[in-house]
Amino acid sequence: ILAEDQCVPNRKVEVACERNGRKRTADLQLYCQSGKVIKVTAANYGRTKDDGDICPYGRRHRNDIKCNNYEKRSLQLVAGLCNYEQKCAIPPENRFFGDPCHGTYKYLAVEFECIA
């Protein structure tokens, strides 16, 4: 999921770190140019890598647990909010997605295309 694909030149990937009581990250923003709309192709709220390279947090939360079992639910939620819109904002937080892996600092990754 969410790998850059050279065969699909219009595919974009955006990532936002989890928002919680200590980290006040911004919503994940998706945009398409005028005359085009968003078509979400993949989404995951959790961690797809079991390392701290993406959205490291520190000692209070785990960065080393892979938890991507919410891909289908994440895709449904993000697509329902963003598909066929020119722009949208998604809150990267447990209140919106649920908590797929308690005690692990998560991130939201969304792959999308801008279509006419």
N, C-alpha and C. Protein backbone atom coordinates (compact mmCIF):
# COMPACT_ATOMS: atom_id res chain seq x y z
N ILE A 1 0.84 -1.20 0.00
CA ILE A 1 0.00 0.00 0.00
C ILE A 1 0.88 1.25 0.00
N LEU A 2 0.41 2.22 -0.68
CA LEU A 2 0.99 3.56 -0.65
C LEU A 2 2.42 3.63 -1.15
N ALA A 3 2.75 2.81 -2.12
CA ALA A 3 4.07 2.91 -2.75
C ALA A 3 3.94 3.74 -4.01
N GLU A 4 4.94 4.56 -4.27
CA GLU A 4 4.93 5.35 -5.49
C GLU A 4 4.96 4.41 -6.68
N ASP A 5 4.09 4.62 -7.64
CA ASP A 5 3.99 3.77 -8.82
C ASP A 5 4.25 4.62 -10.06
N GLN A 6 5.30 4.34 -10.77
CA GLN A 6 5.67 5.12 -11.94
C GLN A 6 4.65 4.96 -13.07
N CYS A 7 3.85 3.90 -13.04
CA CYS A 7 2.87 3.66 -14.09
C CYS A 7 1.64 4.55 -13.93
N VAL A 8 1.46 5.14 -12.79
CA VAL A 8 0.31 6.01 -12.54
C VAL A 8 0.84 7.40 -12.18
N PRO A 9 1.10 8.23 -13.20
CA PRO A 9 1.77 9.51 -12.95
C PRO A 9 0.96 10.50 -12.12
N ASN A 10 -0.35 10.37 -12.06
CA ASN A 10 -1.17 11.31 -11.30
C ASN A 10 -1.42 10.89 -9.86
N ARG A 11 -0.86 9.78 -9.44
CA ARG A 11 -1.06 9.28 -8.08
C ARG A 11 -0.24 10.11 -7.10
N LYS A 12 -0.87 10.47 -5.99
CA LYS A 12 -0.19 11.26 -4.96
C LYS A 12 -0.32 10.51 -3.63
N VAL A 13 0.63 10.71 -2.74
CA VAL A 13 0.60 10.13 -1.41
C VAL A 13 0.83 11.25 -0.40
N GLU A 14 -0.04 11.32 0.60
CA GLU A 14 0.11 12.29 1.68
C GLU A 14 0.09 11.54 3.02
N VAL A 15 0.88 12.02 3.97
CA VAL A 15 0.98 11.39 5.28
C VAL A 15 0.85 12.46 6.36
N ALA A 16 0.12 12.15 7.43
CA ALA A 16 0.02 13.04 8.60
C ALA A 16 0.16 12.21 9.87
N CYS A 17 0.92 12.73 10.81
CA CYS A 17 1.12 12.06 12.09
C CYS A 17 -0.13 12.16 12.95
N GLU A 18 -0.32 11.18 13.83
CA GLU A 18 -1.47 11.13 14.73
C GLU A 18 -1.58 12.39 15.56
N ARG A 19 -2.78 12.87 15.71
CA ARG A 19 -3.07 13.99 16.61
C ARG A 19 -3.57 13.37 17.93
N ASN A 20 -2.95 13.81 19.03
CA ASN A 20 -3.41 13.35 20.35
C ASN A 20 -3.20 14.49 21.34
N GLY A 21 -3.36 14.22 22.60
CA GLY A 21 -3.26 15.26 23.61
C GLY A 21 -1.91 15.95 23.68
N ARG A 22 -0.85 15.27 23.27
CA ARG A 22 0.49 15.86 23.32
C ARG A 22 0.94 16.40 21.98
N LYS A 23 0.49 15.80 20.91
CA LYS A 23 0.89 16.23 19.56
C LYS A 23 -0.33 16.81 18.87
N ARG A 24 -0.29 18.09 18.56
CA ARG A 24 -1.41 18.78 17.93
C ARG A 24 -1.13 18.96 16.44
N THR A 25 -1.07 17.86 15.73
CA THR A 25 -0.79 17.92 14.30
C THR A 25 -2.00 18.43 13.53
N ALA A 26 -1.76 18.94 12.36
CA ALA A 26 -2.83 19.46 11.51
C ALA A 26 -3.57 18.32 10.81
N ASP A 27 -4.75 18.64 10.31
CA ASP A 27 -5.48 17.69 9.47
C ASP A 27 -4.66 17.37 8.24
N LEU A 28 -4.88 16.18 7.70
CA LEU A 28 -4.27 15.82 6.43
C LEU A 28 -5.08 16.48 5.33
N GLN A 29 -4.43 17.27 4.50
CA GLN A 29 -5.10 18.02 3.44
C GLN A 29 -4.85 17.36 2.09
N LEU A 30 -5.92 17.10 1.35
CA LEU A 30 -5.82 16.60 -0.01
C LEU A 30 -6.36 17.67 -0.95
N TYR A 31 -5.67 17.91 -2.03
CA TYR A 31 -6.06 18.95 -3.01
C TYR A 31 -5.91 18.42 -4.43
N CYS A 32 -6.78 18.86 -5.30
CA CYS A 32 -6.64 18.67 -6.74
C CYS A 32 -6.78 20.02 -7.42
N GLN A 33 -6.13 20.16 -8.55
CA GLN A 33 -6.19 21.40 -9.29
C GLN A 33 -7.61 21.62 -9.83
N SER A 34 -7.87 22.82 -10.25
CA SER A 34 -9.19 23.20 -10.76
C SER A 34 -9.60 22.27 -11.90
N GLY A 35 -10.85 21.85 -11.88
CA GLY A 35 -11.38 20.97 -12.91
C GLY A 35 -11.18 19.50 -12.64
N LYS A 36 -10.51 19.15 -11.53
CA LYS A 36 -10.27 17.75 -11.18
C LYS A 36 -10.78 17.50 -9.76
N VAL A 37 -11.07 16.23 -9.46
CA VAL A 37 -11.55 15.84 -8.14
C VAL A 37 -10.74 14.66 -7.61
N ILE A 38 -10.84 14.45 -6.33
CA ILE A 38 -10.10 13.41 -5.63
C ILE A 38 -10.76 12.05 -5.84
N LYS A 39 -9.92 11.04 -6.06
CA LYS A 39 -10.35 9.64 -6.06
C LYS A 39 -9.35 8.90 -5.18
N VAL A 40 -9.77 8.51 -3.97
CA VAL A 40 -8.89 7.83 -3.02
C VAL A 40 -8.69 6.39 -3.47
N THR A 41 -7.43 5.96 -3.57
CA THR A 41 -7.13 4.60 -4.00
C THR A 41 -6.65 3.70 -2.87
N ALA A 42 -6.13 4.29 -1.79
CA ALA A 42 -5.69 3.52 -0.63
C ALA A 42 -5.60 4.45 0.57
N ALA A 43 -5.80 3.90 1.75
CA ALA A 43 -5.68 4.69 2.99
C ALA A 43 -5.40 3.74 4.14
N ASN A 44 -4.62 4.21 5.09
CA ASN A 44 -4.39 3.43 6.31
C ASN A 44 -4.11 4.37 7.47
N TYR A 45 -4.79 4.11 8.58
CA TYR A 45 -4.51 4.78 9.84
C TYR A 45 -3.93 3.73 10.77
N GLY A 46 -2.69 3.87 11.12
CA GLY A 46 -1.97 2.90 11.94
C GLY A 46 -0.49 3.08 11.68
N ARG A 47 0.21 1.96 11.46
CA ARG A 47 1.61 1.99 11.04
C ARG A 47 1.79 0.87 10.03
N THR A 48 2.32 1.19 8.87
CA THR A 48 2.59 0.15 7.89
C THR A 48 4.05 -0.27 7.92
N LYS A 49 4.85 0.44 8.68
CA LYS A 49 6.26 0.07 8.86
C LYS A 49 6.50 -0.08 10.36
N ASP A 50 7.31 -1.06 10.71
CA ASP A 50 7.57 -1.32 12.13
C ASP A 50 8.86 -0.65 12.58
N ASP A 51 9.01 0.62 12.21
CA ASP A 51 10.16 1.39 12.66
C ASP A 51 9.72 2.81 12.97
N GLY A 52 10.62 3.60 13.47
CA GLY A 52 10.26 4.96 13.86
C GLY A 52 10.62 6.01 12.83
N ASP A 53 10.88 5.61 11.58
CA ASP A 53 11.27 6.58 10.56
C ASP A 53 10.13 7.53 10.19
N ILE A 54 8.92 7.01 10.16
CA ILE A 54 7.76 7.84 9.84
C ILE A 54 7.07 8.20 11.14
N CYS A 55 6.92 9.47 11.39
CA CYS A 55 6.24 9.97 12.59
C CYS A 55 6.80 9.37 13.89
N PRO A 56 8.07 9.58 14.18
CA PRO A 56 8.60 9.10 15.47
C PRO A 56 7.98 9.88 16.62
N TYR A 57 7.86 9.25 17.78
CA TYR A 57 7.20 9.91 18.91
C TYR A 57 8.10 10.02 20.12
N GLY A 58 8.82 8.99 20.43
CA GLY A 58 9.63 9.02 21.64
C GLY A 58 9.31 7.84 22.53
N ARG A 59 9.60 7.98 23.81
CA ARG A 59 9.51 6.84 24.72
C ARG A 59 8.09 6.50 25.18
N ARG A 60 7.18 7.43 25.18
CA ARG A 60 5.86 7.16 25.76
C ARG A 60 4.96 6.31 24.87
N HIS A 61 5.23 6.30 23.58
CA HIS A 61 4.45 5.49 22.65
C HIS A 61 5.40 4.60 21.86
N ARG A 62 4.87 3.48 21.39
CA ARG A 62 5.67 2.56 20.58
C ARG A 62 5.70 3.05 19.14
N ASN A 63 6.84 2.98 18.51
CA ASN A 63 7.00 3.30 17.08
C ASN A 63 7.33 2.05 16.28
N ASP A 64 7.50 0.92 16.99
CA ASP A 64 8.06 -0.26 16.34
C ASP A 64 7.05 -1.39 16.17
N ILE A 65 5.78 -1.06 16.16
CA ILE A 65 4.75 -2.07 15.97
C ILE A 65 4.03 -1.80 14.66
N LYS A 66 3.96 -2.81 13.82
CA LYS A 66 3.23 -2.68 12.56
C LYS A 66 1.76 -2.99 12.83
N CYS A 67 0.87 -2.06 12.49
CA CYS A 67 -0.56 -2.30 12.70
C CYS A 67 -1.33 -1.66 11.55
N ASN A 68 -1.52 -2.43 10.50
CA ASN A 68 -2.24 -1.91 9.35
C ASN A 68 -3.49 -2.73 9.07
N ASN A 69 -4.08 -3.26 10.11
CA ASN A 69 -5.28 -4.08 9.93
C ASN A 69 -6.54 -3.25 9.73
N TYR A 70 -6.41 -1.94 9.69
CA TYR A 70 -7.58 -1.06 9.50
C TYR A 70 -7.64 -0.48 8.09
N GLU A 71 -6.90 -1.07 7.15
CA GLU A 71 -6.84 -0.50 5.81
C GLU A 71 -8.22 -0.38 5.18
N LYS A 72 -9.04 -1.41 5.28
CA LYS A 72 -10.37 -1.36 4.66
C LYS A 72 -11.23 -0.29 5.30
N ARG A 73 -11.24 -0.24 6.62
CA ARG A 73 -12.03 0.77 7.33
C ARG A 73 -11.50 2.18 7.03
N SER A 74 -10.19 2.34 7.04
CA SER A 74 -9.59 3.64 6.73
C SER A 74 -9.97 4.09 5.33
N LEU A 75 -9.89 3.18 4.38
CA LEU A 75 -10.24 3.52 3.00
C LEU A 75 -11.70 3.94 2.90
N GLN A 76 -12.59 3.23 3.56
CA GLN A 76 -14.02 3.58 3.52
C GLN A 76 -14.26 4.97 4.11
N LEU A 77 -13.64 5.27 5.25
CA LEU A 77 -13.83 6.57 5.89
C LEU A 77 -13.27 7.71 5.06
N VAL A 78 -12.05 7.55 4.56
CA VAL A 78 -11.42 8.63 3.80
C VAL A 78 -12.12 8.82 2.45
N ALA A 79 -12.43 7.72 1.78
CA ALA A 79 -13.12 7.82 0.49
C ALA A 79 -14.49 8.47 0.67
N GLY A 80 -15.20 8.12 1.73
CA GLY A 80 -16.51 8.72 1.99
C GLY A 80 -16.44 10.21 2.24
N LEU A 81 -15.35 10.65 2.81
CA LEU A 81 -15.18 12.07 3.11
C LEU A 81 -14.63 12.86 1.92
N CYS A 82 -13.78 12.23 1.10
CA CYS A 82 -13.01 12.99 0.11
C CYS A 82 -13.34 12.71 -1.36
N ASN A 83 -13.82 11.52 -1.69
CA ASN A 83 -14.03 11.21 -3.10
C ASN A 83 -14.94 12.23 -3.78
N TYR A 84 -14.52 12.65 -4.96
CA TYR A 84 -15.25 13.57 -5.84
C TYR A 84 -15.33 15.00 -5.30
N GLU A 85 -14.44 15.31 -4.36
CA GLU A 85 -14.28 16.68 -3.87
C GLU A 85 -12.99 17.24 -4.45
N GLN A 86 -12.90 18.55 -4.61
CA GLN A 86 -11.66 19.15 -5.09
C GLN A 86 -10.62 19.21 -3.97
N LYS A 87 -11.08 19.36 -2.74
CA LYS A 87 -10.18 19.37 -1.59
C LYS A 87 -10.92 18.79 -0.40
N CYS A 88 -10.16 18.28 0.56
CA CYS A 88 -10.77 17.80 1.80
C CYS A 88 -9.70 17.75 2.89
N ALA A 89 -10.17 17.68 4.13
CA ALA A 89 -9.29 17.62 5.30
C ALA A 89 -9.72 16.44 6.15
N ILE A 90 -8.76 15.62 6.57
CA ILE A 90 -9.05 14.43 7.36
C ILE A 90 -8.31 14.54 8.69
N PRO A 91 -9.01 14.37 9.81
CA PRO A 91 -8.34 14.43 11.11
C PRO A 91 -7.58 13.13 11.39
N PRO A 92 -6.28 13.17 11.59
CA PRO A 92 -5.51 11.95 11.87
C PRO A 92 -5.57 11.60 13.36
N GLU A 93 -6.71 11.09 13.79
CA GLU A 93 -6.88 10.85 15.22
C GLU A 93 -7.78 9.65 15.49
N ASN A 94 -7.62 9.09 16.68
CA ASN A 94 -8.39 7.92 17.09
C ASN A 94 -9.89 8.20 17.14
N ARG A 95 -10.29 9.41 17.46
CA ARG A 95 -11.72 9.73 17.52
C ARG A 95 -12.40 9.53 16.18
N PHE A 96 -11.68 9.70 15.09
CA PHE A 96 -12.25 9.53 13.76
C PHE A 96 -12.12 8.09 13.26
N PHE A 97 -10.96 7.47 13.47
CA PHE A 97 -10.66 6.15 12.90
C PHE A 97 -10.81 4.99 13.87
N GLY A 98 -10.86 5.25 15.18
CA GLY A 98 -10.73 4.18 16.14
C GLY A 98 -9.24 3.97 16.42
N ASP A 99 -8.92 3.11 17.36
CA ASP A 99 -7.53 2.89 17.74
C ASP A 99 -7.11 1.48 17.35
N PRO A 100 -6.44 1.30 16.20
CA PRO A 100 -6.07 -0.03 15.75
C PRO A 100 -4.94 -0.68 16.56
N CYS A 101 -4.16 0.11 17.30
CA CYS A 101 -3.06 -0.45 18.08
C CYS A 101 -2.75 0.48 19.25
N HIS A 102 -3.40 0.21 20.36
CA HIS A 102 -3.28 1.05 21.55
C HIS A 102 -1.82 1.14 22.00
N GLY A 103 -1.40 2.36 22.34
CA GLY A 103 -0.05 2.58 22.84
C GLY A 103 0.99 2.77 21.75
N THR A 104 0.57 2.73 20.50
CA THR A 104 1.48 2.92 19.37
C THR A 104 1.15 4.26 18.71
N TYR A 105 2.18 5.05 18.43
CA TYR A 105 1.96 6.33 17.75
C TYR A 105 1.72 6.05 16.27
N LYS A 106 0.59 6.47 15.78
CA LYS A 106 0.13 6.12 14.45
C LYS A 106 0.28 7.28 13.47
N TYR A 107 -0.01 7.00 12.21
CA TYR A 107 -0.08 8.04 11.19
C TYR A 107 -1.13 7.64 10.17
N LEU A 108 -1.63 8.65 9.48
CA LEU A 108 -2.59 8.44 8.40
C LEU A 108 -1.85 8.60 7.08
N ALA A 109 -1.93 7.60 6.22
CA ALA A 109 -1.34 7.67 4.89
C ALA A 109 -2.47 7.48 3.87
N VAL A 110 -2.54 8.38 2.91
CA VAL A 110 -3.60 8.34 1.89
C VAL A 110 -2.96 8.43 0.51
N GLU A 111 -3.36 7.52 -0.35
CA GLU A 111 -2.95 7.53 -1.75
C GLU A 111 -4.17 7.92 -2.57
N PHE A 112 -4.00 8.87 -3.49
CA PHE A 112 -5.15 9.33 -4.27
C PHE A 112 -4.72 9.81 -5.64
N GLU A 113 -5.70 9.97 -6.51
CA GLU A 113 -5.49 10.51 -7.83
C GLU A 113 -6.41 11.70 -8.01
N CYS A 114 -6.05 12.59 -8.90
CA CYS A 114 -6.91 13.70 -9.30
C CYS A 114 -7.48 13.35 -10.67
N ILE A 115 -8.78 13.19 -10.74
CA ILE A 115 -9.42 12.76 -11.99
C ILE A 115 -10.35 13.84 -12.50
N ALA A 116 -10.62 13.81 -13.80
CA ALA A 116 -11.51 14.81 -14.40
C ALA A 116 -12.97 14.39 -14.26
